[in-house]
């Protein structure tokens, strides 16, 4: 989780534990769902999943 430390924790001073938890949750949501991954041909996981569903639908129609 070096990215979490580098991108969130390093730049922020949290006044409360709740604020820290919220920022960590926001970062994890971004990282897990929206950030592009080279293992997915530089698509975000959401884009990859949408592409997968489109291909599966096309194969069912064919």
C-alpha atoms as a PDB file:
ATOM      1  CA  UNK A   1       0.000   0.000   0.000  1.00  0.00           C
ATOM      2  CA  UNK A   2       2.849   2.369  -0.754  1.00  0.00           C
ATOM      3  CA  UNK A   3       0.518   4.201  -3.135  1.00  0.00           C
ATOM      4  CA  UNK A   4      -1.873   4.916  -0.295  1.00  0.00           C
ATOM      5  CA  UNK A   5       0.909   6.417   1.782  1.00  0.00           C
ATOM      6  CA  UNK A   6       2.399   8.359  -1.128  1.00  0.00           C
ATOM      7  CA  UNK A   7      -0.881   9.657  -2.566  1.00  0.00           C
ATOM      8  CA  UNK A   8      -2.995  10.200   0.551  1.00  0.00           C
ATOM      9  CA  UNK A   9      -1.218   9.922   3.866  1.00  0.00           C
ATOM     10  CA  UNK A  10       1.927  11.836   2.907  1.00  0.00           C
ATOM     11  CA  UNK A  11       0.117  15.049   1.948  1.00  0.00           C
ATOM     12  CA  UNK A  12      -2.588  15.174   4.603  1.00  0.00           C
ATOM     13  CA  UNK A  13      -2.886  16.008   8.242  1.00  0.00           C
ATOM     14  CA  UNK A  14      -6.002  14.381   9.641  1.00  0.00           C
ATOM     15  CA  UNK A  15      -7.705  16.105  12.529  1.00  0.00           C
ATOM     16  CA  UNK A  16      -9.865  13.119  13.488  1.00  0.00           C
ATOM     17  CA  UNK A  17      -9.852   9.363  13.044  1.00  0.00           C
ATOM     18  CA  UNK A  18     -13.129   9.669  11.106  1.00  0.00           C
ATOM     19  CA  UNK A  19     -11.529  12.049   8.634  1.00  0.00           C
ATOM     20  CA  UNK A  20      -8.596   9.656   8.140  1.00  0.00           C
ATOM     21  CA  UNK A  21     -10.935   6.706   7.588  1.00  0.00           C
ATOM     22  CA  UNK A  22     -12.990   8.662   5.044  1.00  0.00           C
ATOM     23  CA  UNK A  23      -9.919   9.676   3.045  1.00  0.00           C
ATOM     24  CA  UNK A  24      -8.569   6.118   3.070  1.00  0.00           C
ATOM     25  CA  UNK A  25     -11.964   4.811   1.907  1.00  0.00           C
ATOM     26  CA  UNK A  26     -12.042   7.387  -0.912  1.00  0.00           C
ATOM     27  CA  UNK A  27      -8.560   6.422  -2.043  1.00  0.00           C
ATOM     28  CA  UNK A  28      -9.326   2.691  -1.947  1.00  0.00           C
ATOM     29  CA  UNK A  29     -12.510   3.242  -3.942  1.00  0.00           C
ATOM     30  CA  UNK A  30     -10.574   5.184  -6.558  1.00  0.00           C
ATOM     31  CA  UNK A  31      -7.703   2.702  -6.663  1.00  0.00           C
ATOM     32  CA  UNK A  32      -9.892  -0.374  -6.808  1.00  0.00           C
ATOM     33  CA  UNK A  33     -12.511   0.786  -9.285  1.00  0.00           C
ATOM     34  CA  UNK A  34     -11.286   3.711 -11.354  1.00  0.00           C
ATOM     35  CA  UNK A  35      -7.515   3.681 -11.605  1.00  0.00           C
ATOM     36  CA  UNK A  36      -6.110   2.284 -14.824  1.00  0.00           C
ATOM     37  CA  UNK A  37      -4.117  -0.945 -14.446  1.00  0.00           C
ATOM     38  CA  UNK A  38      -1.498  -2.192 -16.862  1.00  0.00           C
ATOM     39  CA  UNK A  39      -2.637  -5.783 -16.224  1.00  0.00           C
ATOM     40  CA  UNK A  40      -6.019  -4.785 -17.721  1.00  0.00           C
ATOM     41  CA  UNK A  41      -4.533  -3.230 -20.869  1.00  0.00           C
ATOM     42  CA  UNK A  42      -4.555   0.170 -19.144  1.00  0.00           C
ATOM     43  CA  UNK A  43      -8.290   0.091 -18.534  1.00  0.00           C
ATOM     44  CA  UNK A  44      -9.869   0.795 -15.188  1.00  0.00           C
ATOM     45  CA  UNK A  45     -11.506  -2.236 -13.573  1.00  0.00           C
ATOM     46  CA  UNK A  46     -14.926  -0.703 -14.315  1.00  0.00           C
ATOM     47  CA  UNK A  47     -14.035  -0.187 -17.998  1.00  0.00           C
ATOM     48  CA  UNK A  48     -12.602  -3.706 -18.207  1.00  0.00           C
ATOM     49  CA  UNK A  49     -15.761  -5.212 -16.741  1.00  0.00           C
ATOM     50  CA  UNK A  50     -18.002  -3.216 -19.099  1.00  0.00           C
ATOM     51  CA  UNK A  51     -15.919  -4.337 -22.060  1.00  0.00           C
ATOM     52  CA  UNK A  52     -16.127  -7.946 -20.862  1.00  0.00           C
ATOM     53  CA  UNK A  53     -19.935  -7.755 -20.636  1.00  0.00           C
ATOM     54  CA  UNK A  54     -20.218  -6.240 -24.123  1.00  0.00           C
ATOM     55  CA  UNK A  55     -18.082  -9.029 -25.590  1.00  0.00           C
ATOM     56  CA  UNK A  56     -20.073 -11.693 -23.723  1.00  0.00           C
ATOM     57  CA  UNK A  57     -23.352 -10.243 -25.055  1.00  0.00           C
ATOM     58  CA  UNK A  58     -21.985 -10.213 -28.612  1.00  0.00           C
ATOM     59  CA  UNK A  59     -20.951 -13.857 -28.286  1.00  0.00           C
ATOM     60  CA  UNK A  60     -24.433 -14.810 -27.066  1.00  0.00           C
ATOM     61  CA  UNK A  61     -26.071 -13.059 -30.007  1.00  0.00           C
ATOM     62  CA  UNK A  62     -23.774 -14.696 -32.561  1.00  0.00           C
END
